[in-house]
Amino acid sequence: MIIFEELDEIRDMEPTAVALGNFDGVHLGHQKLISRAVECAEQRGLKSAVFTFSNHPRDLLPKAKKVKSILYKNEKAEIIESLGVDYLINVPFTREIMNMDPVSFIEEILLNRFHMKAAFCGFNYRFGKEAAGNPGVLENIGIDRGFTVYEMPAYRIKGNVVSSSLIRTMIASGQVERCKTYMGRNYEIGGEVVVGNRLGRKLGFPTSNLVIDPDMVTPPNGVYVTYCDYNGVRYPSVTNVGNKPTIGRYGKNVETHIFDFDRELYGKKIIVEFLKKTRDEVRFDDVKELSEQIVRDCREAKEYHEMLAEQERQEQEFSAAAREEKATPDDDENREDR
């Protein structure tokens, strides 16, 4: 996949089928839309492209509260690439783009730069000055300029319209166990392990600490059952998000204890996947009470991981049995006449 981070980088792009949107969560609805664009490109001999922005368009609105990101830049690119996309155009949303009238946006960017032959967008896609552009505008111009438009209706799971706003709300409220249903993957935080206060090691529970990126949406303070991904391996873990109120005043961070793991990770990059919140962060009267609670937290997290492992084992057995049954010829059809 070729990535463009500035419009001026694009030269002589081959004709494309383009998925249009912010795609800030690349959730299951986004993935379906992008996959449709990829399928269209393959069928029509076009290149598939995703046109999105590296910052949220709402951040440019006067007095607007900054929209927190769900994915890191590299995560977003990796997920989009995994869908078979040829070009990712991930450029800054500027005032120049914001103030383009819808027709100019289509003509100057989508047609002149991308040579777009097919457009794929959600029902609520908006573009151009004062968000005056919509799927209907695209369709009308497409009739004259020879490109087709696919407008995807609201994508629902369990009755809920899947959106990045919904996912942000779930993360910010601690409902991390619901994220996989709508994102197709666990919510995660990644980064380089930094030196903490080493109290966990003194208590017998060494931890790996991550500084929270202020631009990312983060879960509320509390204890979570997690996985820790390091060097391509996924380890069961338990994680505290918070300010460590029992031992002093600290900035909010992510502190992960990996079960049955004794390697030093300072300076290494890890990813923490959030599975379930088990309790809020609280202030204890002393370190002894904190230590006793950590033991209980670890026990609960281990039991949850054991449950997940058993579920996965059963699913694998069921899948293997189903494959075996499908591969076995029907007895009635193969029984010899007697």
C-alpha atoms as a PDB file:
ATOM      1  CA  MET A   1       0.000   0.000   0.000  1.00  0.00           C
ATOM      2  CA  ILE A   2       1.298   3.428  -0.946  1.00  0.00           C
ATOM      3  CA  ILE A   3       0.655   6.197   1.602  1.00  0.00           C
ATOM      4  CA  PHE A   4       0.343   9.872   0.707  1.00  0.00           C
ATOM      5  CA  GLU A   5       0.504  12.410   3.543  1.00  0.00           C
ATOM      6  CA  GLU A   6       0.190  15.528   1.365  1.00  0.00           C
ATOM      7  CA  LEU A   7      -1.996  16.093  -1.679  1.00  0.00           C
ATOM      8  CA  ASP A   8       0.954  17.625  -3.532  1.00  0.00           C
ATOM      9  CA  GLU A   9       2.759  14.267  -3.344  1.00  0.00           C
ATOM     10  CA  ILE A  10       0.247  12.730  -5.746  1.00  0.00           C
ATOM     11  CA  ARG A  11       1.345  12.572  -9.372  1.00  0.00           C
ATOM     12  CA  ASP A  12      -0.274  10.663 -12.236  1.00  0.00           C
ATOM     13  CA  MET A  13      -2.425   8.418 -10.035  1.00  0.00           C
ATOM     14  CA  GLU A  14      -4.146   5.600 -11.914  1.00  0.00           C
ATOM     15  CA  PRO A  15      -7.983   5.647 -12.035  1.00  0.00           C
ATOM     16  CA  THR A  16      -9.434   4.763  -8.643  1.00  0.00           C
ATOM     17  CA  ALA A  17     -12.385   3.526  -6.630  1.00  0.00           C
ATOM     18  CA  VAL A  18     -12.251   5.733  -3.530  1.00  0.00           C
ATOM     19  CA  ALA A  19     -13.622   5.175  -0.019  1.00  0.00           C
ATOM     20  CA  LEU A  20     -14.386   8.600   1.456  1.00  0.00           C
ATOM     21  CA  GLY A  21     -14.554   9.348   5.172  1.00  0.00           C
ATOM     22  CA  ASN A  22     -12.640  10.186   8.309  1.00  0.00           C
ATOM     23  CA  PHE A  23     -12.265   6.506   9.259  1.00  0.00           C
ATOM     24  CA  ASP A  24     -10.923   7.535  12.665  1.00  0.00           C
ATOM     25  CA  GLY A  25     -11.852   4.204  14.251  1.00  0.00           C
ATOM     26  CA  VAL A  26     -11.784   1.972  11.167  1.00  0.00           C
ATOM     27  CA  HIS A  27     -14.642   0.104  12.877  1.00  0.00           C
ATOM     28  CA  LEU A  28     -16.640  -2.715  11.269  1.00  0.00           C
ATOM     29  CA  GLY A  29     -18.843  -0.277   9.353  1.00  0.00           C
ATOM     30  CA  HIS A  30     -15.776   1.477   7.958  1.00  0.00           C
ATOM     31  CA  GLN A  31     -14.207  -1.860   7.080  1.00  0.00           C
ATOM     32  CA  LYS A  32     -17.295  -2.936   5.146  1.00  0.00           C
ATOM     33  CA  LEU A  33     -17.313   0.310   3.158  1.00  0.00           C
ATOM     34  CA  ILE A  34     -13.603   0.089   2.358  1.00  0.00           C
ATOM     35  CA  SER A  35     -13.957  -3.568   1.363  1.00  0.00           C
ATOM     36  CA  ARG A  36     -16.714  -2.597  -1.096  1.00  0.00           C
ATOM     37  CA  ALA A  37     -14.357  -0.079  -2.703  1.00  0.00           C
ATOM     38  CA  VAL A  38     -11.622  -2.733  -2.949  1.00  0.00           C
ATOM     39  CA  GLU A  39     -14.034  -5.218  -4.544  1.00  0.00           C
ATOM     40  CA  CYS A  40     -15.212  -2.610  -7.048  1.00  0.00           C
ATOM     41  CA  ALA A  41     -11.630  -1.743  -7.965  1.00  0.00           C
ATOM     42  CA  GLU A  42     -10.793  -5.395  -8.585  1.00  0.00           C
ATOM     43  CA  GLN A  43     -13.890  -5.915 -10.730  1.00  0.00           C
ATOM     44  CA  ARG A  44     -13.370  -2.787 -12.821  1.00  0.00           C
ATOM     45  CA  GLY A  45      -9.601  -2.854 -13.157  1.00  0.00           C
ATOM     46  CA  LEU A  46      -9.126   0.229 -10.964  1.00  0.00           C
ATOM     47  CA  LYS A  47      -6.851   1.025  -8.040  1.00  0.00           C
ATOM     48  CA  SER A  48      -8.496   1.109  -4.605  1.00  0.00           C
ATOM     49  CA  ALA A  49      -7.965   4.175  -2.461  1.00  0.00           C
ATOM     50  CA  VAL A  50      -8.970   5.515   0.947  1.00  0.00           C
ATOM     51  CA  PHE A  51      -9.174   9.294   1.271  1.00  0.00           C
ATOM     52  CA  THR A  52      -9.109  10.423   4.882  1.00  0.00           C
ATOM     53  CA  PHE A  53      -7.582  13.023   7.178  1.00  0.00           C
ATOM     54  CA  SER A  54      -4.755  12.844   9.694  1.00  0.00           C
ATOM     55  CA  ASN A  55      -6.617  15.227  12.040  1.00  0.00           C
ATOM     56  CA  HIS A  56     -10.306  15.401  12.833  1.00  0.00           C
ATOM     57  CA  PRO A  57     -12.168  18.046  10.758  1.00  0.00           C
ATOM     58  CA  ARG A  58     -14.067  19.223  13.834  1.00  0.00           C
ATOM     59  CA  ASP A  59     -10.802  20.373  15.399  1.00  0.00           C
ATOM     60  CA  LEU A  60     -10.789  23.345  13.017  1.00  0.00           C
ATOM     61  CA  LEU A  61     -14.181  24.615  14.100  1.00  0.00           C
ATOM     62  CA  PRO A  62     -14.142  27.721  16.344  1.00  0.00           C
ATOM     63  CA  LYS A  63     -14.139  26.884  20.065  1.00  0.00           C
ATOM     64  CA  ALA A  64     -14.560  23.185  19.273  1.00  0.00           C
ATOM     65  CA  LYS A  65     -13.321  20.683  21.852  1.00  0.00           C
ATOM     66  CA  LYS A  66     -10.502  18.570  20.407  1.00  0.00           C
ATOM     67  CA  VAL A  67     -11.705  15.165  19.274  1.00  0.00           C
ATOM     68  CA  LYS A  68      -9.676  12.376  20.871  1.00  0.00           C
ATOM     69  CA  SER A  69      -8.228   9.722  18.572  1.00  0.00           C
ATOM     70  CA  ILE A  70      -9.209   6.067  18.825  1.00  0.00           C
ATOM     71  CA  LEU A  71      -6.286   4.732  16.800  1.00  0.00           C
ATOM     72  CA  TYR A  72      -2.638   5.634  16.463  1.00  0.00           C
ATOM     73  CA  LYS A  73      -1.546   6.701  13.001  1.00  0.00           C
ATOM     74  CA  ASN A  74       0.310   3.452  12.322  1.00  0.00           C
ATOM     75  CA  GLU A  75      -2.618   1.350  13.563  1.00  0.00           C
ATOM     76  CA  LYS A  76      -5.003   3.088  11.200  1.00  0.00           C
ATOM     77  CA  ALA A  77      -2.676   2.474   8.260  1.00  0.00           C
ATOM     78  CA  GLU A  78      -2.095  -1.183   9.175  1.00  0.00           C
ATOM     79  CA  ILE A  79      -5.814  -1.963   9.392  1.00  0.00           C
ATOM     80  CA  ILE A  80      -6.555  -0.220   6.104  1.00  0.00           C
ATOM     81  CA  GLU A  81      -3.668  -2.028   4.402  1.00  0.00           C
ATOM     82  CA  SER A  82      -4.974  -5.374   5.689  1.00  0.00           C
ATOM     83  CA  LEU A  83      -8.178  -4.748   3.698  1.00  0.00           C
ATOM     84  CA  GLY A  84      -6.236  -4.817   0.427  1.00  0.00           C
ATOM     85  CA  VAL A  85      -6.152  -1.084  -0.297  1.00  0.00           C
ATOM     86  CA  ASP A  86      -3.684   0.189  -2.906  1.00  0.00           C
ATOM     87  CA  TYR A  87      -3.497   3.869  -1.872  1.00  0.00           C
ATOM     88  CA  LEU A  88      -4.030   5.542   1.502  1.00  0.00           C
ATOM     89  CA  ILE A  89      -4.374   9.322   1.210  1.00  0.00           C
ATOM     90  CA  ASN A  90      -4.074  10.480   4.816  1.00  0.00           C
ATOM     91  CA  VAL A  91      -3.595  14.250   4.627  1.00  0.00           C
ATOM     92  CA  PRO A  92      -4.130  17.144   7.042  1.00  0.00           C
ATOM     93  CA  PHE A  93      -7.582  18.691   7.022  1.00  0.00           C
ATOM     94  CA  THR A  94      -6.793  22.353   6.385  1.00  0.00           C
ATOM     95  CA  ARG A  95      -8.806  25.549   6.237  1.00  0.00           C
ATOM     96  CA  GLU A  96      -8.270  25.551   2.493  1.00  0.00           C
ATOM     97  CA  ILE A  97      -9.996  22.176   2.202  1.00  0.00           C
ATOM     98  CA  MET A  98     -12.647  23.189   4.724  1.00  0.00           C
ATOM     99  CA  ASN A  99     -13.573  26.285   2.691  1.00  0.00           C
ATOM    100  CA  MET A 100     -13.717  24.613  -0.736  1.00  0.00           C
ATOM    101  CA  ASP A 101     -17.188  24.566  -2.223  1.00  0.00           C
ATOM    102  CA  PRO A 102     -18.420  20.981  -2.815  1.00  0.00           C
ATOM    103  CA  VAL A 103     -18.036  21.126  -6.592  1.00  0.00           C
ATOM    104  CA  SER A 104     -14.428  22.340  -6.344  1.00  0.00           C
ATOM    105  CA  PHE A 105     -13.687  19.623  -3.782  1.00  0.00           C
ATOM    106  CA  ILE A 106     -14.910  16.983  -6.233  1.00  0.00           C
ATOM    107  CA  GLU A 107     -13.272  18.496  -9.298  1.00  0.00           C
ATOM    108  CA  GLU A 108      -9.903  19.523  -7.868  1.00  0.00           C
ATOM    109  CA  ILE A 109      -9.277  16.668  -5.454  1.00  0.00           C
ATOM    110  CA  LEU A 110     -11.370  13.613  -6.282  1.00  0.00           C
ATOM    111  CA  LEU A 111     -11.238  13.897 -10.056  1.00  0.00           C
ATOM    112  CA  ASN A 112      -8.090  15.843 -10.945  1.00  0.00           C
ATOM    113  CA  ARG A 113      -5.822  14.200  -8.364  1.00  0.00           C
ATOM    114  CA  PHE A 114      -7.366  10.762  -7.774  1.00  0.00           C
ATOM    115  CA  HIS A 115      -8.956  10.231 -11.215  1.00  0.00           C
ATOM    116  CA  MET A 116     -11.913   8.794  -9.311  1.00  0.00           C
ATOM    117  CA  LYS A 117     -14.252   6.492 -11.233  1.00  0.00           C
ATOM    118  CA  ALA A 118     -16.246   5.227  -8.243  1.00  0.00           C
ATOM    119  CA  ALA A 119     -16.984   6.835  -4.869  1.00  0.00           C
ATOM    120  CA  PHE A 120     -17.937   4.961  -1.690  1.00  0.00           C
ATOM    121  CA  CYS A 121     -19.230   6.871   1.328  1.00  0.00           C
ATOM    122  CA  GLY A 122     -21.507   6.596   4.333  1.00  0.00           C
ATOM    123  CA  PHE A 123     -25.038   7.986   4.477  1.00  0.00           C
ATOM    124  CA  ASN A 124     -23.812  10.838   6.683  1.00  0.00           C
ATOM    125  CA  TYR A 125     -20.727  11.795   4.662  1.00  0.00           C
ATOM    126  CA  ARG A 126     -20.283  15.559   4.377  1.00  0.00           C
ATOM    127  CA  PHE A 127     -17.665  17.659   2.608  1.00  0.00           C
ATOM    128  CA  GLY A 128     -16.980  21.160   1.339  1.00  0.00           C
ATOM    129  CA  LYS A 129     -17.678  24.573   2.815  1.00  0.00           C
ATOM    130  CA  GLU A 130     -20.174  24.500   5.673  1.00  0.00           C
ATOM    131  CA  ALA A 131     -20.481  20.739   5.040  1.00  0.00           C
ATOM    132  CA  ALA A 132     -22.775  21.474   2.098  1.00  0.00           C
ATOM    133  CA  GLY A 133     -21.605  18.434   0.138  1.00  0.00           C
ATOM    134  CA  ASN A 134     -23.334  15.075   0.662  1.00  0.00           C
ATOM    135  CA  PRO A 135     -23.869  11.775  -1.201  1.00  0.00           C
ATOM    136  CA  GLY A 136     -26.621  13.382  -3.284  1.00  0.00           C
ATOM    137  CA  VAL A 137     -24.241  16.073  -4.530  1.00  0.00           C
ATOM    138  CA  LEU A 138     -21.717  13.372  -5.442  1.00  0.00           C
ATOM    139  CA  GLU A 139     -24.361  11.421  -7.363  1.00  0.00           C
ATOM    140  CA  ASN A 140     -25.533  14.458  -9.331  1.00  0.00           C
ATOM    141  CA  ILE A 141     -22.032  15.398 -10.434  1.00  0.00           C
ATOM    142  CA  GLY A 142     -21.192  11.760 -11.068  1.00  0.00           C
ATOM    143  CA  ILE A 143     -23.889  11.593 -13.724  1.00  0.00           C
ATOM    144  CA  ASP A 144     -22.176  14.363 -15.683  1.00  0.00           C
ATOM    145  CA  ARG A 145     -18.557  13.394 -14.962  1.00  0.00           C
ATOM    146  CA  GLY A 146     -18.875   9.647 -15.400  1.00  0.00           C
ATOM    147  CA  PHE A 147     -18.258   8.250 -11.906  1.00  0.00           C
ATOM    148  CA  THR A 148     -20.561   6.052  -9.861  1.00  0.00           C
ATOM    149  CA  VAL A 149     -21.498   6.539  -6.215  1.00  0.00           C
ATOM    150  CA  TYR A 150     -22.252   3.911  -3.585  1.00  0.00           C
ATOM    151  CA  GLU A 151     -23.898   5.305  -0.441  1.00  0.00           C
ATOM    152  CA  MET A 152     -23.741   2.911   2.487  1.00  0.00           C
ATOM    153  CA  PRO A 153     -26.730   3.046   4.846  1.00  0.00           C
ATOM    154  CA  ALA A 154     -26.341   3.093   8.631  1.00  0.00           C
ATOM    155  CA  TYR A 155     -24.428  -0.007   9.725  1.00  0.00           C
ATOM    156  CA  ARG A 156     -26.025  -1.543  12.824  1.00  0.00           C
ATOM    157  CA  ILE A 157     -24.876  -4.120  15.343  1.00  0.00           C
ATOM    158  CA  LYS A 158     -27.255  -5.210  18.096  1.00  0.00           C
ATOM    159  CA  GLY A 159     -29.554  -2.361  17.099  1.00  0.00           C
ATOM    160  CA  ASN A 160     -26.869   0.313  17.504  1.00  0.00           C
ATOM    161  CA  VAL A 161     -25.563   2.421  14.629  1.00  0.00           C
ATOM    162  CA  VAL A 162     -21.821   1.766  14.591  1.00  0.00           C
ATOM    163  CA  SER A 163     -19.903   5.033  14.802  1.00  0.00           C
ATOM    164  CA  SER A 164     -16.644   6.384  16.126  1.00  0.00           C
ATOM    165  CA  SER A 165     -18.617   8.547  18.557  1.00  0.00           C
ATOM    166  CA  LEU A 166     -20.247   5.440  20.039  1.00  0.00           C
ATOM    167  CA  ILE A 167     -16.844   3.769  20.436  1.00  0.00           C
ATOM    168  CA  ARG A 168     -15.338   6.861  22.086  1.00  0.00           C
ATOM    169  CA  THR A 169     -18.220   6.878  24.555  1.00  0.00           C
ATOM    170  CA  MET A 170     -17.704   3.206  25.380  1.00  0.00           C
ATOM    171  CA  ILE A 171     -13.976   3.680  25.979  1.00  0.00           C
ATOM    172  CA  ALA A 172     -14.395   6.864  28.031  1.00  0.00           C
ATOM    173  CA  SER A 173     -17.012   5.175  30.229  1.00  0.00           C
ATOM    174  CA  GLY A 174     -14.946   2.024  30.794  1.00  0.00           C
ATOM    175  CA  GLN A 175     -17.101  -0.295  28.675  1.00  0.00           C
ATOM    176  CA  VAL A 176     -14.011  -1.677  26.945  1.00  0.00           C
ATOM    177  CA  GLU A 177     -15.482  -5.180  26.684  1.00  0.00           C
ATOM    178  CA  ARG A 178     -17.983  -3.849  24.115  1.00  0.00           C
ATOM    179  CA  CYS A 179     -15.362  -2.404  21.767  1.00  0.00           C
ATOM    180  CA  LYS A 180     -14.529  -5.649  19.973  1.00  0.00           C
ATOM    181  CA  THR A 181     -18.158  -6.086  18.947  1.00  0.00           C
ATOM    182  CA  TYR A 182     -18.078  -2.811  17.017  1.00  0.00           C
ATOM    183  CA  MET A 183     -14.392  -2.475  16.107  1.00  0.00           C
ATOM    184  CA  GLY A 184     -13.605  -6.085  15.282  1.00  0.00           C
ATOM    185  CA  ARG A 185     -10.663  -5.922  17.690  1.00  0.00           C
ATOM    186  CA  ASN A 186      -9.935  -4.978  21.289  1.00  0.00           C
ATOM    187  CA  TYR A 187      -9.345  -1.369  22.257  1.00  0.00           C
ATOM    188  CA  GLU A 188      -5.640  -0.899  22.922  1.00  0.00           C
ATOM    189  CA  ILE A 189      -2.985   1.547  24.106  1.00  0.00           C
ATOM    190  CA  GLY A 190       0.617   1.279  22.970  1.00  0.00           C
ATOM    191  CA  GLY A 191       3.942   2.938  23.526  1.00  0.00           C
ATOM    192  CA  GLU A 192       7.401   2.699  25.003  1.00  0.00           C
ATOM    193  CA  VAL A 193       7.770   1.389  28.545  1.00  0.00           C
ATOM    194  CA  VAL A 194       9.064   4.074  30.906  1.00  0.00           C
ATOM    195  CA  VAL A 195      10.545   3.905  34.379  1.00  0.00           C
ATOM    196  CA  GLY A 196       7.926   4.130  37.137  1.00  0.00           C
ATOM    197  CA  ASN A 197       8.290   4.351  40.901  1.00  0.00           C
ATOM    198  CA  ARG A 198       9.127   0.616  41.106  1.00  0.00           C
ATOM    199  CA  LEU A 199       6.628   0.106  43.946  1.00  0.00           C
ATOM    200  CA  GLY A 200       5.008  -2.793  42.088  1.00  0.00           C
ATOM    201  CA  ARG A 201       8.296  -4.666  42.003  1.00  0.00           C
ATOM    202  CA  LYS A 202       8.783  -4.100  45.754  1.00  0.00           C
ATOM    203  CA  LEU A 203       5.315  -5.516  46.368  1.00  0.00           C
ATOM    204  CA  GLY A 204       6.036  -8.560  44.212  1.00  0.00           C
ATOM    205  CA  PHE A 205       4.063  -7.354  41.178  1.00  0.00           C
ATOM    206  CA  PRO A 206       6.485  -5.764  38.692  1.00  0.00           C
ATOM    207  CA  THR A 207       4.767  -3.533  36.172  1.00  0.00           C
ATOM    208  CA  SER A 208       5.423  -1.982  32.787  1.00  0.00           C
ATOM    209  CA  ASN A 209       4.429   1.680  32.639  1.00  0.00           C
ATOM    210  CA  LEU A 210       3.140   3.653  29.661  1.00  0.00           C
ATOM    211  CA  VAL A 211       2.617   7.399  29.540  1.00  0.00           C
ATOM    212  CA  ILE A 212      -0.838   8.266  28.222  1.00  0.00           C
ATOM    213  CA  ASP A 213      -0.954  10.205  24.976  1.00  0.00           C
ATOM    214  CA  PRO A 214      -3.205  13.249  25.638  1.00  0.00           C
ATOM    215  CA  ASP A 215      -4.468  13.107  22.039  1.00  0.00           C
ATOM    216  CA  MET A 216      -5.904   9.612  22.524  1.00  0.00           C
ATOM    217  CA  VAL A 217      -9.226   8.704  24.100  1.00  0.00           C
ATOM    218  CA  THR A 218      -8.501   6.731  27.280  1.00  0.00           C
ATOM    219  CA  PRO A 219     -10.581   4.653  29.672  1.00  0.00           C
ATOM    220  CA  PRO A 220     -11.434   5.973  33.141  1.00  0.00           C
ATOM    221  CA  ASN A 221      -9.244   5.206  36.140  1.00  0.00           C
ATOM    222  CA  GLY A 222      -9.575   1.637  37.275  1.00  0.00           C
ATOM    223  CA  VAL A 223      -8.320  -1.937  37.024  1.00  0.00           C
ATOM    224  CA  TYR A 224      -8.702  -3.903  33.795  1.00  0.00           C
ATOM    225  CA  VAL A 225      -8.159  -7.433  32.558  1.00  0.00           C
ATOM    226  CA  THR A 226      -5.779  -7.062  29.597  1.00  0.00           C
ATOM    227  CA  TYR A 227      -3.402  -8.674  27.175  1.00  0.00           C
ATOM    228  CA  CYS A 228       0.098  -7.289  26.751  1.00  0.00           C
ATOM    229  CA  ASP A 229       1.567  -7.700  23.278  1.00  0.00           C
ATOM    230  CA  TYR A 230       5.351  -7.676  23.182  1.00  0.00           C
ATOM    231  CA  ASN A 231       7.621  -8.702  20.332  1.00  0.00           C
ATOM    232  CA  GLY A 232       4.781 -10.506  18.539  1.00  0.00           C
ATOM    233  CA  VAL A 233       3.667 -12.515  21.587  1.00  0.00           C
ATOM    234  CA  ARG A 234       0.433 -11.931  23.515  1.00  0.00           C
ATOM    235  CA  TYR A 235       0.642 -12.315  27.296  1.00  0.00           C
ATOM    236  CA  PRO A 236      -2.243 -12.376  29.818  1.00  0.00           C
ATOM    237  CA  SER A 237      -1.994  -9.365  32.120  1.00  0.00           C
ATOM    238  CA  VAL A 238      -3.808  -7.030  34.505  1.00  0.00           C
ATOM    239  CA  THR A 239      -3.620  -3.257  34.166  1.00  0.00           C
ATOM    240  CA  ASN A 240      -4.229  -0.236  36.344  1.00  0.00           C
ATOM    241  CA  VAL A 241      -5.133   3.060  34.689  1.00  0.00           C
ATOM    242  CA  GLY A 242      -4.898   6.016  37.013  1.00  0.00           C
ATOM    243  CA  ASN A 243      -2.962   8.301  39.328  1.00  0.00           C
ATOM    244  CA  LYS A 244      -1.905   5.888  42.129  1.00  0.00           C
ATOM    245  CA  PRO A 245      -3.702   7.874  44.882  1.00  0.00           C
ATOM    246  CA  THR A 246      -2.512   5.579  47.701  1.00  0.00           C
ATOM    247  CA  ILE A 247       1.170   6.409  47.250  1.00  0.00           C
ATOM    248  CA  GLY A 248       1.217  10.045  46.144  1.00  0.00           C
ATOM    249  CA  ARG A 249       0.329  12.389  43.312  1.00  0.00           C
ATOM    250  CA  TYR A 250       1.128  11.158  39.834  1.00  0.00           C
ATOM    251  CA  GLY A 251      -0.013  11.889  36.325  1.00  0.00           C
ATOM    252  CA  LYS A 252      -2.460   9.442  34.807  1.00  0.00           C
ATOM    253  CA  ASN A 253      -0.652   6.460  33.329  1.00  0.00           C
ATOM    254  CA  VAL A 254      -1.099   2.833  32.305  1.00  0.00           C
ATOM    255  CA  GLU A 255       0.600   0.298  34.575  1.00  0.00           C
ATOM    256  CA  THR A 256       0.541  -3.351  33.460  1.00  0.00           C
ATOM    257  CA  HIS A 257       1.529  -6.502  35.339  1.00  0.00           C
ATOM    258  CA  ILE A 258       2.221  -9.419  32.981  1.00  0.00           C
ATOM    259  CA  PHE A 259       1.608 -12.833  34.522  1.00  0.00           C
ATOM    260  CA  ASP A 260       4.526 -15.277  34.667  1.00  0.00           C
ATOM    261  CA  PHE A 261       6.874 -12.851  32.918  1.00  0.00           C
ATOM    262  CA  ASP A 262      10.282 -11.845  34.275  1.00  0.00           C
ATOM    263  CA  ARG A 263      11.923  -9.890  31.433  1.00  0.00           C
ATOM    264  CA  GLU A 264      12.901  -6.236  31.732  1.00  0.00           C
ATOM    265  CA  LEU A 265      10.891  -4.079  29.303  1.00  0.00           C
ATOM    266  CA  TYR A 266      12.165  -0.541  29.964  1.00  0.00           C
ATOM    267  CA  GLY A 267      12.594   1.202  26.634  1.00  0.00           C
ATOM    268  CA  LYS A 268      10.712  -1.543  24.769  1.00  0.00           C
ATOM    269  CA  LYS A 269       7.459  -1.026  22.890  1.00  0.00           C
ATOM    270  CA  ILE A 270       4.349  -2.863  24.035  1.00  0.00           C
ATOM    271  CA  ILE A 271       0.634  -2.821  23.260  1.00  0.00           C
ATOM    272  CA  VAL A 272      -1.979  -3.245  25.997  1.00  0.00           C
ATOM    273  CA  GLU A 273      -5.331  -4.682  24.870  1.00  0.00           C
ATOM    274  CA  PHE A 274      -8.256  -3.940  27.183  1.00  0.00           C
ATOM    275  CA  LEU A 275     -10.741  -6.788  27.757  1.00  0.00           C
ATOM    276  CA  LYS A 276     -12.816  -5.839  30.799  1.00  0.00           C
ATOM    277  CA  LYS A 277     -12.935  -3.349  33.648  1.00  0.00           C
ATOM    278  CA  THR A 278     -13.076  -5.033  37.059  1.00  0.00           C
ATOM    279  CA  ARG A 279     -13.174  -2.067  39.470  1.00  0.00           C
ATOM    280  CA  ASP A 280     -12.592   1.668  39.887  1.00  0.00           C
ATOM    281  CA  GLU A 281      -9.295   3.008  41.177  1.00  0.00           C
ATOM    282  CA  VAL A 282      -9.561   3.818  44.888  1.00  0.00           C
ATOM    283  CA  ARG A 283      -7.303   5.250  47.585  1.00  0.00           C
ATOM    284  CA  PHE A 284      -6.315   2.751  50.301  1.00  0.00           C
ATOM    285  CA  ASP A 285      -5.292   3.650  53.839  1.00  0.00           C
ATOM    286  CA  ASP A 286      -1.859   2.108  53.486  1.00  0.00           C
ATOM    287  CA  VAL A 287       0.372   0.105  51.137  1.00  0.00           C
ATOM    288  CA  LYS A 288      -0.548  -3.161  52.906  1.00  0.00           C
ATOM    289  CA  GLU A 289      -4.200  -2.756  51.945  1.00  0.00           C
ATOM    290  CA  LEU A 290      -3.147  -1.887  48.408  1.00  0.00           C
ATOM    291  CA  SER A 291      -0.978  -5.007  48.189  1.00  0.00           C
ATOM    292  CA  GLU A 292      -3.828  -7.222  49.399  1.00  0.00           C
ATOM    293  CA  GLN A 293      -6.150  -5.717  46.798  1.00  0.00           C
ATOM    294  CA  ILE A 294      -3.580  -6.280  44.036  1.00  0.00           C
ATOM    295  CA  VAL A 295      -3.548  -9.980  44.960  1.00  0.00           C
ATOM    296  CA  ARG A 296      -7.335 -10.077  44.539  1.00  0.00           C
ATOM    297  CA  ASP A 297      -7.123  -8.145  41.259  1.00  0.00           C
ATOM    298  CA  CYS A 298      -4.581 -10.618  39.889  1.00  0.00           C
ATOM    299  CA  ARG A 299      -6.671 -13.591  40.958  1.00  0.00           C
ATOM    300  CA  GLU A 300      -9.767 -12.189  39.256  1.00  0.00           C
ATOM    301  CA  ALA A 301      -7.862 -11.364  36.073  1.00  0.00           C
ATOM    302  CA  LYS A 302      -6.279 -14.826  35.928  1.00  0.00           C
ATOM    303  CA  GLU A 303      -9.696 -16.467  36.301  1.00  0.00           C
ATOM    304  CA  TYR A 304     -11.032 -14.340  33.463  1.00  0.00           C
ATOM    305  CA  HIS A 305      -8.087 -15.292  31.241  1.00  0.00           C
ATOM    306  CA  GLU A 306      -8.615 -18.971  32.094  1.00  0.00           C
ATOM    307  CA  MET A 307     -12.266 -18.633  31.083  1.00  0.00           C
ATOM    308  CA  LEU A 308     -11.251 -17.052  27.759  1.00  0.00           C
ATOM    309  CA  ALA A 309      -8.704 -19.816  27.134  1.00  0.00           C
ATOM    310  CA  GLU A 310     -11.346 -22.477  27.776  1.00  0.00           C
ATOM    311  CA  GLN A 311     -13.805 -20.749  25.448  1.00  0.00           C
ATOM    312  CA  GLU A 312     -11.148 -20.583  22.734  1.00  0.00           C
ATOM    313  CA  ARG A 313     -10.321 -24.270  23.231  1.00  0.00           C
ATOM    314  CA  GLN A 314     -13.985 -25.247  22.892  1.00  0.00           C
ATOM    315  CA  GLU A 315     -14.398 -23.095  19.779  1.00  0.00           C
ATOM    316  CA  GLN A 316     -11.360 -24.724  18.184  1.00  0.00           C
ATOM    317  CA  GLU A 317     -12.709 -28.203  18.989  1.00  0.00           C
ATOM    318  CA  PHE A 318     -16.102 -27.274  17.532  1.00  0.00           C
ATOM    319  CA  SER A 319     -14.503 -25.895  14.366  1.00  0.00           C
ATOM    320  CA  ALA A 320     -12.338 -28.993  13.956  1.00  0.00           C
ATOM    321  CA  ALA A 321     -15.366 -31.269  14.415  1.00  0.00           C
ATOM    322  CA  ALA A 322     -17.351 -29.266  11.873  1.00  0.00           C
ATOM    323  CA  ARG A 323     -14.518 -29.505   9.325  1.00  0.00           C
ATOM    324  CA  GLU A 324     -14.214 -33.246   9.912  1.00  0.00           C
ATOM    325  CA  GLU A 325     -17.966 -33.752   9.511  1.00  0.00           C
ATOM    326  CA  LYS A 326     -17.962 -31.763   6.282  1.00  0.00           C
ATOM    327  CA  ALA A 327     -15.070 -33.801   4.894  1.00  0.00           C
ATOM    328  CA  THR A 328     -16.685 -37.191   5.740  1.00  0.00           C
ATOM    329  CA  PRO A 329     -18.844 -38.609   2.889  1.00  0.00           C
ATOM    330  CA  ASP A 330     -22.463 -39.306   3.719  1.00  0.00           C
ATOM    331  CA  ASP A 331     -22.860 -42.962   4.762  1.00  0.00           C
ATOM    332  CA  ASP A 332     -26.136 -43.415   2.905  1.00  0.00           C
ATOM    333  CA  GLU A 333     -24.664 -42.182  -0.384  1.00  0.00           C
ATOM    334  CA  ASN A 334     -21.587 -44.381  -0.117  1.00  0.00           C
ATOM    335  CA  ARG A 335     -23.108 -47.577   1.324  1.00  0.00           C
ATOM    336  CA  GLU A 336     -22.689 -50.532  -1.061  1.00  0.00           C
ATOM    337  CA  ASP A 337     -25.860 -52.282  -2.257  1.00  0.00           C
ATOM    338  CA  ARG A 338     -26.349 -55.652  -0.628  1.00  0.00           C
END
